[in-house]
């Protein structure tokens, strides 16, 4: 899926995960997505890929599964999103 903004792509991944009945760990979301995690920014440069792993909750209990998000900066200026729960 392609998005105009990196945060729009991340929010779409979150919405899809919550539709599956999971809750995103707010602490992980803030650290990884809002502050950029190990990349220090959410938005990848053109031709680069940034990956994030966000902890999940179900009924307020931690799960062994995580939300995996991969963002790729395309030459067109858009962002390609690949996300899944593993």
N, C-alpha and C. Protein backbone atom coordinates (compact mmCIF):
# COMPACT_ATOMS: atom_id res chain seq x y z
N UNK A 1 0.84 -1.16 0.00
CA UNK A 1 0.00 0.00 0.00
C UNK A 1 0.90 1.24 0.00
N UNK A 2 0.48 2.27 -0.69
CA UNK A 2 1.27 3.48 -0.83
C UNK A 2 0.56 4.65 -0.14
N UNK A 3 1.33 5.48 0.55
CA UNK A 3 0.79 6.61 1.30
C UNK A 3 1.61 7.87 1.02
N UNK A 4 0.95 9.03 1.14
CA UNK A 4 1.63 10.30 0.90
C UNK A 4 2.56 10.66 2.05
N UNK A 5 2.21 10.26 3.29
CA UNK A 5 3.02 10.59 4.45
C UNK A 5 3.39 9.32 5.21
N UNK A 6 4.51 9.36 5.89
CA UNK A 6 4.96 8.20 6.67
C UNK A 6 4.05 7.98 7.88
N UNK A 7 3.62 9.06 8.54
CA UNK A 7 2.75 8.91 9.70
C UNK A 7 1.38 8.40 9.27
N UNK A 8 0.93 8.76 8.09
CA UNK A 8 -0.33 8.22 7.56
C UNK A 8 -0.24 6.72 7.36
N UNK A 9 0.90 6.25 6.88
CA UNK A 9 1.12 4.81 6.70
C UNK A 9 1.13 4.10 8.04
N UNK A 10 1.82 4.68 9.03
CA UNK A 10 1.89 4.06 10.35
C UNK A 10 0.52 4.01 11.01
N UNK A 11 -0.25 5.07 10.88
CA UNK A 11 -1.60 5.10 11.44
C UNK A 11 -2.49 4.06 10.77
N UNK A 12 -2.34 3.86 9.47
CA UNK A 12 -3.13 2.84 8.77
C UNK A 12 -2.79 1.45 9.28
N UNK A 13 -1.51 1.20 9.54
CA UNK A 13 -1.09 -0.09 10.10
C UNK A 13 -1.70 -0.30 11.48
N UNK A 14 -1.74 0.76 12.26
CA UNK A 14 -2.32 0.68 13.60
C UNK A 14 -3.82 0.38 13.52
N UNK A 15 -4.53 1.06 12.63
CA UNK A 15 -5.97 0.84 12.47
C UNK A 15 -6.27 -0.59 12.04
N UNK A 16 -5.47 -1.14 11.12
CA UNK A 16 -5.68 -2.51 10.67
C UNK A 16 -5.45 -3.51 11.80
N UNK A 17 -4.46 -3.24 12.63
CA UNK A 17 -4.14 -4.12 13.76
C UNK A 17 -5.25 -4.06 14.80
N UNK A 18 -5.76 -2.87 15.08
CA UNK A 18 -6.84 -2.74 16.05
C UNK A 18 -8.12 -3.37 15.54
N UNK A 19 -8.31 -3.41 14.23
CA UNK A 19 -9.47 -4.08 13.65
C UNK A 19 -9.41 -5.59 13.87
N UNK A 20 -8.19 -6.11 14.07
CA UNK A 20 -8.03 -7.55 14.35
C UNK A 20 -8.26 -7.87 15.83
N UNK A 21 -8.52 -6.85 16.65
CA UNK A 21 -8.80 -7.06 18.07
C UNK A 21 -7.62 -6.85 18.99
N UNK A 22 -6.51 -6.35 18.48
CA UNK A 22 -5.33 -6.08 19.31
C UNK A 22 -5.29 -4.60 19.68
N UNK A 23 -4.59 -4.31 20.77
CA UNK A 23 -4.31 -2.94 21.17
C UNK A 23 -2.82 -2.72 21.03
N UNK A 24 -2.43 -1.56 20.56
CA UNK A 24 -1.02 -1.24 20.40
C UNK A 24 -0.50 -0.71 21.74
N UNK A 25 0.66 -1.18 22.15
CA UNK A 25 1.30 -0.70 23.38
C UNK A 25 1.70 0.77 23.16
N UNK A 26 1.09 1.68 23.93
CA UNK A 26 1.33 3.11 23.74
C UNK A 26 2.78 3.49 23.98
N UNK A 27 3.44 2.84 24.93
CA UNK A 27 4.84 3.15 25.21
C UNK A 27 5.73 2.81 24.01
N UNK A 28 5.53 1.63 23.42
CA UNK A 28 6.28 1.23 22.23
C UNK A 28 5.96 2.15 21.05
N UNK A 29 4.68 2.49 20.89
CA UNK A 29 4.26 3.35 19.78
C UNK A 29 4.97 4.71 19.86
N UNK A 30 5.00 5.27 21.06
CA UNK A 30 5.65 6.57 21.25
C UNK A 30 7.14 6.48 20.98
N UNK A 31 7.79 5.45 21.53
CA UNK A 31 9.22 5.30 21.36
C UNK A 31 9.60 5.02 19.91
N UNK A 32 8.91 4.09 19.27
CA UNK A 32 9.28 3.65 17.93
C UNK A 32 8.78 4.59 16.83
N UNK A 33 7.51 4.96 16.88
CA UNK A 33 6.89 5.70 15.78
C UNK A 33 7.03 7.21 15.97
N UNK A 34 6.60 7.71 17.11
CA UNK A 34 6.61 9.16 17.32
C UNK A 34 8.04 9.71 17.37
N UNK A 35 8.92 9.02 18.11
CA UNK A 35 10.30 9.50 18.24
C UNK A 35 11.24 8.88 17.21
N UNK A 36 10.79 7.95 16.40
CA UNK A 36 11.60 7.39 15.33
C UNK A 36 12.45 6.19 15.70
N UNK A 37 12.45 5.79 16.96
CA UNK A 37 13.20 4.60 17.37
C UNK A 37 14.69 4.73 17.08
N UNK A 38 15.29 3.66 16.62
CA UNK A 38 16.72 3.64 16.36
C UNK A 38 17.12 4.48 15.15
N UNK A 39 16.15 4.86 14.33
CA UNK A 39 16.44 5.66 13.13
C UNK A 39 16.40 7.16 13.42
N UNK A 40 15.89 7.55 14.59
CA UNK A 40 15.73 8.94 15.01
C UNK A 40 14.74 9.73 14.17
N UNK A 41 14.05 9.08 13.27
CA UNK A 41 12.97 9.70 12.50
C UNK A 41 12.13 8.60 11.87
N UNK A 42 10.85 8.85 11.77
CA UNK A 42 9.94 7.86 11.19
C UNK A 42 10.14 7.75 9.69
N UNK A 43 10.29 8.88 9.03
CA UNK A 43 10.31 8.93 7.57
C UNK A 43 11.65 8.45 7.01
N UNK A 44 11.64 7.38 6.20
CA UNK A 44 12.88 6.93 5.57
C UNK A 44 13.23 7.81 4.36
N UNK A 45 14.51 7.91 4.06
CA UNK A 45 14.96 8.65 2.88
C UNK A 45 14.59 7.86 1.62
N UNK A 46 14.70 8.50 0.48
CA UNK A 46 14.38 7.84 -0.79
C UNK A 46 15.30 6.63 -0.97
N UNK A 47 14.70 5.49 -1.26
CA UNK A 47 15.45 4.27 -1.48
C UNK A 47 15.83 3.52 -0.21
N UNK A 48 15.44 4.04 0.94
CA UNK A 48 15.76 3.41 2.22
C UNK A 48 14.52 2.75 2.82
N UNK A 49 14.77 1.83 3.74
CA UNK A 49 13.71 1.09 4.39
C UNK A 49 13.89 1.20 5.91
N UNK A 50 12.83 1.53 6.65
CA UNK A 50 12.86 1.55 8.10
C UNK A 50 11.86 0.51 8.61
N UNK A 51 12.30 -0.29 9.59
CA UNK A 51 11.45 -1.33 10.16
C UNK A 51 11.23 -1.08 11.64
N UNK A 52 10.03 -1.39 12.11
CA UNK A 52 9.66 -1.19 13.50
C UNK A 52 8.90 -2.41 14.00
N UNK A 53 9.07 -2.72 15.28
CA UNK A 53 8.38 -3.82 15.93
C UNK A 53 7.68 -3.26 17.16
N UNK A 54 6.35 -3.31 17.18
CA UNK A 54 5.54 -2.71 18.23
C UNK A 54 4.83 -3.81 19.01
N UNK A 55 4.96 -3.77 20.34
CA UNK A 55 4.30 -4.77 21.21
C UNK A 55 2.79 -4.59 21.14
N UNK A 56 2.08 -5.70 21.32
CA UNK A 56 0.62 -5.70 21.27
C UNK A 56 0.02 -6.18 22.58
N UNK A 57 -1.21 -5.73 22.83
CA UNK A 57 -1.99 -6.14 23.99
C UNK A 57 -3.33 -6.67 23.51
N UNK A 58 -3.91 -7.57 24.28
CA UNK A 58 -5.26 -8.03 24.01
C UNK A 58 -5.95 -8.15 25.35
N UNK A 59 -7.06 -7.44 25.51
CA UNK A 59 -7.76 -7.36 26.80
C UNK A 59 -6.81 -6.87 27.89
N UNK A 60 -5.98 -5.89 27.56
CA UNK A 60 -5.00 -5.28 28.46
C UNK A 60 -3.95 -6.24 28.98
N UNK A 61 -3.75 -7.36 28.29
CA UNK A 61 -2.70 -8.32 28.67
C UNK A 61 -1.66 -8.36 27.55
N UNK A 62 -0.37 -8.32 27.90
CA UNK A 62 0.68 -8.39 26.87
C UNK A 62 0.60 -9.68 26.07
N UNK A 63 0.85 -9.57 24.80
CA UNK A 63 0.82 -10.73 23.90
C UNK A 63 2.24 -11.04 23.42
N UNK A 64 2.45 -12.26 22.99
CA UNK A 64 3.75 -12.63 22.43
C UNK A 64 3.90 -12.11 21.01
N UNK A 65 2.80 -11.71 20.41
CA UNK A 65 2.82 -11.21 19.04
C UNK A 65 3.17 -9.74 19.01
N UNK A 66 3.72 -9.31 17.88
CA UNK A 66 4.10 -7.91 17.67
C UNK A 66 3.57 -7.43 16.32
N UNK A 67 3.38 -6.13 16.23
CA UNK A 67 3.05 -5.50 14.95
C UNK A 67 4.37 -5.15 14.27
N UNK A 68 4.59 -5.71 13.09
CA UNK A 68 5.79 -5.44 12.31
C UNK A 68 5.42 -4.41 11.23
N UNK A 69 6.15 -3.31 11.22
CA UNK A 69 5.91 -2.25 10.22
C UNK A 69 7.20 -2.03 9.44
N UNK A 70 7.08 -1.99 8.13
CA UNK A 70 8.22 -1.68 7.27
C UNK A 70 7.81 -0.56 6.32
N UNK A 71 8.55 0.54 6.34
CA UNK A 71 8.29 1.69 5.48
C UNK A 71 9.45 1.85 4.50
N UNK A 72 9.10 2.04 3.23
CA UNK A 72 10.10 2.24 2.18
C UNK A 72 9.86 3.60 1.54
N UNK A 73 10.89 4.41 1.44
CA UNK A 73 10.79 5.72 0.79
C UNK A 73 10.96 5.58 -0.72
N UNK A 74 9.90 5.84 -1.44
CA UNK A 74 9.91 5.67 -2.90
C UNK A 74 10.42 6.94 -3.58
N UNK A 75 11.00 6.82 -4.78
CA UNK A 75 11.47 8.00 -5.52
C UNK A 75 10.36 9.00 -5.83
N UNK A 76 9.11 8.54 -5.88
CA UNK A 76 7.99 9.44 -6.17
C UNK A 76 7.64 10.33 -4.99
N UNK A 77 8.24 10.07 -3.83
CA UNK A 77 7.93 10.84 -2.63
C UNK A 77 6.90 10.18 -1.74
N UNK A 78 6.32 9.08 -2.21
CA UNK A 78 5.34 8.35 -1.41
C UNK A 78 6.06 7.29 -0.58
N UNK A 79 5.31 6.64 0.30
CA UNK A 79 5.86 5.63 1.18
C UNK A 79 5.11 4.33 1.00
N UNK A 80 5.86 3.24 0.85
CA UNK A 80 5.28 1.92 0.71
C UNK A 80 5.24 1.29 2.10
N UNK A 81 4.07 0.77 2.47
CA UNK A 81 3.87 0.16 3.77
C UNK A 81 3.68 -1.35 3.64
N UNK A 82 4.44 -2.09 4.45
CA UNK A 82 4.22 -3.52 4.61
C UNK A 82 4.07 -3.74 6.10
N UNK A 83 2.94 -4.31 6.52
CA UNK A 83 2.72 -4.55 7.93
C UNK A 83 2.04 -5.90 8.14
N UNK A 84 2.36 -6.52 9.27
CA UNK A 84 1.72 -7.78 9.64
C UNK A 84 1.89 -8.00 11.14
N UNK A 85 1.07 -8.89 11.68
CA UNK A 85 1.15 -9.29 13.08
C UNK A 85 1.77 -10.68 13.11
N UNK A 86 2.86 -10.81 13.86
CA UNK A 86 3.47 -12.14 13.97
C UNK A 86 3.53 -12.59 15.39
